[in-house]
Amino acid sequence: MHPVSFVGAGPGASDLLTLRAADRLRAADVLIWTDSLVCPGIPKLAPDGCEKIRTSTMTLEDVIPLLVDRHKSGKRVVRLHDGDTALYSAINEQICALTDHNIPVEVVPGISAYQAAAAGLASELTIPGIVQTIVLGRAGGRTGVPDSEELDRLAALKASLCLYLSARHVDEVQSTLLKHYPANTPVAVGHRVSWPDELLSVISLEEMAAFTQEHALIRTTLYLVSPALARGPQRSRLYSPDHDHLFRASS
């Protein structure tokens, strides 16, 4: 039997799917997807005869029996999640449940919103001499984070900080970030990145909360907090004439 395929839909645009993700969708007999978060154009890649099941109103206890039943019926089952399967996708508990039923799975990664946002701004988040680390995190919120991962600790690194699931707590987030970053630090605010109605703007850190509230941003909002977005002339050593490596001698 075919494994159940957990597929990352990417940030929104159907042409940002990986080739493997598109292949799994086009071959699906059953598509079970997070319709509240996945751009509507992506499920349309599944064939006409595919059974399509929306999960926005379901719990884990509703979804697992569907995955088990359709798999045991010999169907090609695709479980489609927004973004990348490695980030806040809730695939772990589903895979554990399927493993208990001896059902094999495969995972197909997707492009994350932070990558799409940086690309949309034609920006790199690691600039020599300025910042060389990217941190992916979120505010505590209802589900909390471990003490060692509190936002105050993450912000202390002064890295390129990509914050998911944090718009509801933006006042607290801004206040915490201002303890560690200058008030004029660039912040990219991305809402429904790569969707047809995308909002993607770069503002200063001190404007972060007001901008969020002005545009009524709550869900599917991402913040990229990074001095790298200021665009300086710094260049990588990799292409410097005096830098030698395996394929090029220094000049």
Protein backbone atom coordinates (compact mmCIF):
# COMPACT_ATOMS: atom_id res chain seq x y z
CA MET A 1 0.00 0.00 0.00
CA HIS A 2 1.02 3.59 -0.53
CA PRO A 3 2.11 5.53 2.55
CA VAL A 4 -0.02 8.41 3.80
CA SER A 5 1.63 11.53 2.41
CA PHE A 6 1.93 14.55 4.70
CA VAL A 7 2.52 17.41 2.29
CA GLY A 8 3.59 20.98 2.98
CA ALA A 9 1.55 23.36 0.81
CA GLY A 10 4.04 26.19 1.17
CA PRO A 11 3.03 29.78 1.95
CA GLY A 12 0.17 30.07 -0.54
CA ALA A 13 1.06 30.37 -4.22
CA SER A 14 0.58 27.08 -6.06
CA ASP A 15 3.77 27.61 -8.08
CA LEU A 16 5.77 27.63 -4.83
CA LEU A 17 4.89 23.99 -4.21
CA THR A 18 7.76 21.56 -4.56
CA LEU A 19 7.63 19.26 -7.58
CA ARG A 20 7.11 16.30 -5.25
CA ALA A 21 4.23 18.02 -3.46
CA ALA A 22 2.50 18.77 -6.77
CA ASP A 23 3.05 15.18 -7.86
CA ARG A 24 1.42 13.81 -4.71
CA LEU A 25 -1.56 16.13 -5.09
CA ARG A 26 -2.14 15.18 -8.73
CA ALA A 27 -2.05 11.48 -7.83
CA ALA A 28 -4.28 11.73 -4.74
CA ASP A 29 -7.37 9.58 -4.31
CA VAL A 30 -8.20 11.31 -1.03
CA LEU A 31 -7.20 14.83 -0.02
CA ILE A 32 -7.58 15.83 3.63
CA TRP A 33 -6.56 19.43 4.08
CA THR A 34 -6.58 22.44 6.39
CA ASP A 35 -8.97 24.51 4.30
CA SER A 36 -8.82 27.49 6.67
CA LEU A 37 -5.10 27.99 6.00
CA VAL A 38 -4.29 26.56 2.56
CA CYS A 39 -4.73 28.82 -0.47
CA PRO A 40 -7.82 27.56 -2.41
CA GLY A 41 -5.92 27.11 -5.68
CA ILE A 42 -3.73 24.33 -4.30
CA PRO A 43 -6.42 21.67 -3.58
CA LYS A 44 -7.63 22.21 -7.15
CA LEU A 45 -4.52 20.39 -8.34
CA ALA A 46 -6.04 17.13 -7.11
CA PRO A 47 -7.88 15.15 -9.82
CA ASP A 48 -11.63 15.46 -10.35
CA GLY A 49 -12.35 12.05 -8.87
CA CYS A 50 -10.42 12.77 -5.67
CA GLU A 51 -12.39 12.73 -2.41
CA LYS A 52 -11.73 16.09 -0.75
CA ILE A 53 -12.25 16.43 2.99
CA ARG A 54 -11.92 19.77 4.81
CA THR A 55 -10.62 19.72 8.38
CA SER A 56 -11.20 23.26 9.68
CA THR A 57 -14.04 22.08 11.94
CA MET A 58 -12.46 18.74 12.91
CA THR A 59 -10.42 17.54 15.87
CA LEU A 60 -7.60 15.00 15.85
CA GLU A 61 -10.12 12.36 16.88
CA ASP A 62 -12.08 13.10 13.70
CA VAL A 63 -9.09 13.15 11.36
CA ILE A 64 -7.23 10.00 12.41
CA PRO A 65 -10.09 7.55 11.64
CA LEU A 66 -10.39 9.10 8.18
CA LEU A 67 -6.69 8.64 7.48
CA VAL A 68 -6.77 5.06 8.74
CA ASP A 69 -9.94 4.09 6.89
CA ARG A 70 -8.94 5.57 3.53
CA HIS A 71 -5.46 4.09 3.72
CA LYS A 72 -6.80 0.62 4.55
CA SER A 73 -9.14 0.97 1.58
CA GLY A 74 -6.06 1.12 -0.64
CA LYS A 75 -6.37 4.82 -1.44
CA ARG A 76 -3.54 7.27 -2.07
CA VAL A 77 -4.09 9.61 0.88
CA VAL A 78 -2.64 13.11 1.01
CA ARG A 79 -2.78 15.07 4.26
CA LEU A 80 -2.12 18.65 3.18
CA HIS A 81 -0.85 21.26 5.64
CA ASP A 82 -0.04 24.93 5.13
CA GLY A 83 3.58 26.11 5.06
CA ASP A 84 6.35 23.68 5.89
CA THR A 85 5.70 20.41 7.68
CA ALA A 86 8.62 21.09 10.05
CA LEU A 87 7.08 24.26 11.55
CA TYR A 88 3.93 24.38 13.71
CA SER A 89 2.22 21.84 11.45
CA ALA A 90 0.86 19.44 14.12
CA ILE A 91 1.91 16.42 12.05
CA ASN A 92 3.70 14.74 14.95
CA GLU A 93 0.59 13.55 16.78
CA GLN A 94 -0.97 12.36 13.52
CA ILE A 95 2.10 10.35 12.53
CA CYS A 96 2.30 8.82 16.00
CA ALA A 97 -1.33 7.72 15.73
CA LEU A 98 -0.78 6.21 12.29
CA THR A 99 2.33 4.41 13.52
CA ASP A 100 0.16 2.79 16.21
CA HIS A 101 -1.92 1.42 13.33
CA ASN A 102 1.24 0.23 11.49
CA ILE A 103 0.52 2.67 8.67
CA PRO A 104 3.57 3.99 6.83
CA VAL A 105 3.92 7.70 6.16
CA GLU A 106 6.04 10.00 4.06
CA VAL A 107 6.62 13.69 4.62
CA VAL A 108 7.02 16.19 1.78
CA PRO A 109 8.41 19.53 2.98
CA GLY A 110 7.14 22.91 1.84
CA ILE A 111 8.59 26.39 1.53
CA SER A 112 8.02 28.33 4.72
CA ALA A 113 6.46 31.79 4.89
CA TYR A 114 9.68 33.36 6.17
CA GLN A 115 11.48 32.19 3.03
CA ALA A 116 8.72 33.47 0.76
CA ALA A 117 8.64 36.81 2.60
CA ALA A 118 12.40 37.30 2.30
CA ALA A 119 12.22 36.39 -1.38
CA GLY A 120 9.31 38.78 -1.90
CA LEU A 121 11.50 41.55 -0.52
CA ALA A 122 14.52 40.39 -2.56
CA SER A 123 16.36 40.16 0.74
CA GLU A 124 18.89 37.92 2.43
CA LEU A 125 18.55 37.39 6.18
CA THR A 126 22.22 36.59 6.83
CA ILE A 127 24.55 39.49 5.97
CA PRO A 128 28.31 39.25 6.68
CA GLY A 129 29.37 41.35 9.64
CA ILE A 130 25.77 42.12 10.62
CA VAL A 131 23.82 38.94 11.31
CA GLN A 132 24.58 35.27 10.61
CA THR A 133 21.79 33.52 12.50
CA ILE A 134 18.09 33.04 11.79
CA VAL A 135 15.76 32.19 14.68
CA LEU A 136 12.27 30.83 14.04
CA GLY A 137 9.95 31.28 16.99
CA ARG A 138 6.70 32.62 18.35
CA ALA A 139 5.19 34.46 21.27
CA GLY A 140 3.94 32.32 24.13
CA GLY A 141 0.20 32.78 23.59
CA ARG A 142 -2.37 30.23 24.72
CA THR A 143 -0.18 27.16 24.21
CA GLY A 144 2.96 28.67 25.72
CA VAL A 145 6.62 27.98 25.00
CA PRO A 146 9.35 26.41 27.17
CA ASP A 147 10.97 28.84 29.62
CA SER A 148 14.26 28.59 27.76
CA GLU A 149 12.52 29.79 24.58
CA GLU A 150 10.74 32.83 25.97
CA LEU A 151 10.81 35.73 23.51
CA ASP A 152 13.07 37.77 25.78
CA ARG A 153 15.76 35.08 25.45
CA LEU A 154 15.37 34.77 21.68
CA ALA A 155 15.50 38.52 21.15
CA ALA A 156 18.69 38.79 23.22
CA LEU A 157 20.55 37.08 20.36
CA LYS A 158 19.80 40.07 18.10
CA ALA A 159 19.57 37.61 15.20
CA SER A 160 17.19 37.68 12.25
CA LEU A 161 14.08 36.77 14.22
CA CYS A 162 11.12 35.25 12.37
CA LEU A 163 7.99 35.24 14.51
CA TYR A 164 4.97 33.14 13.69
CA LEU A 165 1.60 33.03 15.48
CA SER A 166 2.29 36.26 17.34
CA ALA A 167 0.01 38.97 15.93
CA ARG A 168 -2.54 38.64 18.74
CA HIS A 169 0.18 39.56 21.22
CA VAL A 170 1.90 42.27 19.18
CA ASP A 171 1.94 44.94 21.92
CA GLU A 172 3.76 42.64 24.31
CA VAL A 173 5.99 41.38 21.51
CA GLN A 174 7.03 44.88 20.46
CA SER A 175 7.75 45.87 24.06
CA THR A 176 9.98 42.82 24.54
CA LEU A 177 11.83 43.29 21.27
CA LEU A 178 12.57 46.94 22.03
CA LYS A 179 14.64 45.80 25.02
CA HIS A 180 17.13 44.23 22.63
CA TYR A 181 16.79 45.80 19.17
CA PRO A 182 17.05 49.52 18.30
CA ALA A 183 13.68 51.19 17.68
CA ASN A 184 14.55 51.72 14.00
CA THR A 185 15.30 48.04 13.34
CA PRO A 186 13.51 47.01 10.13
CA VAL A 187 10.56 44.66 10.57
CA ALA A 188 8.94 42.96 7.60
CA VAL A 189 5.25 42.29 8.24
CA GLY A 190 3.83 39.58 6.02
CA HIS A 191 0.15 38.65 5.89
CA ARG A 192 -0.95 35.77 3.64
CA VAL A 193 2.45 35.85 1.98
CA SER A 194 2.26 34.91 -1.74
CA TRP A 195 -1.57 34.79 -1.71
CA PRO A 196 -3.37 37.02 -4.22
CA ASP A 197 -4.20 39.49 -1.42
CA GLU A 198 -0.73 39.45 0.14
CA LEU A 199 0.39 42.28 2.39
CA LEU A 200 4.16 42.57 2.71
CA SER A 201 5.68 45.76 4.11
CA VAL A 202 8.86 46.81 5.88
CA ILE A 203 8.39 49.18 8.81
CA SER A 204 10.42 50.09 11.89
CA LEU A 205 10.19 48.08 15.09
CA GLU A 206 8.61 51.01 16.92
CA GLU A 207 5.74 50.95 14.37
CA MET A 208 5.11 47.21 14.62
CA ALA A 209 2.09 47.18 16.93
CA ALA A 210 0.38 50.21 15.39
CA PHE A 211 0.80 48.82 11.86
CA THR A 212 -0.61 45.45 12.91
CA GLN A 213 -3.64 47.06 14.51
CA GLU A 214 -4.19 49.49 11.64
CA HIS A 215 -4.46 46.57 9.21
CA ALA A 216 -6.39 44.33 11.63
CA LEU A 217 -3.85 41.52 11.31
CA ILE A 218 -4.49 38.48 13.46
CA ARG A 219 -4.10 35.19 11.59
CA THR A 220 -1.53 34.10 8.95
CA THR A 221 0.78 36.96 9.95
CA LEU A 222 4.56 36.72 10.09
CA TYR A 223 7.16 39.16 11.40
CA LEU A 224 10.78 39.24 10.21
CA VAL A 225 12.80 41.35 12.64
CA SER A 226 16.27 41.86 11.21
CA PRO A 227 19.00 44.45 10.73
CA ALA A 228 19.71 42.61 7.47
CA LEU A 229 16.64 44.24 5.95
CA ALA A 230 18.34 47.64 6.12
CA ARG A 231 20.40 46.72 3.01
CA GLY A 232 24.06 47.65 3.38
CA PRO A 233 27.01 47.19 1.00
CA GLN A 234 28.55 44.30 2.96
CA ARG A 235 29.63 41.43 0.74
CA SER A 236 30.26 37.77 1.37
CA ARG A 237 33.83 36.51 1.55
CA LEU A 238 32.87 33.63 -0.72
CA TYR A 239 33.25 35.72 -3.89
CA SER A 240 36.12 37.93 -2.71
CA PRO A 241 39.20 37.85 -5.01
CA ASP A 242 41.50 37.11 -2.04
CA HIS A 243 39.42 34.19 -0.76
CA ASP A 244 40.58 30.81 -2.03
CA HIS A 245 38.63 27.56 -1.82
CA LEU A 246 38.46 24.13 -3.44
CA PHE A 247 37.39 25.45 -6.82
CA ARG A 248 39.27 28.77 -7.01
CA ALA A 249 42.72 29.97 -6.04
CA SER A 250 43.06 33.44 -4.51
CA SER A 251 44.17 36.20 -6.90
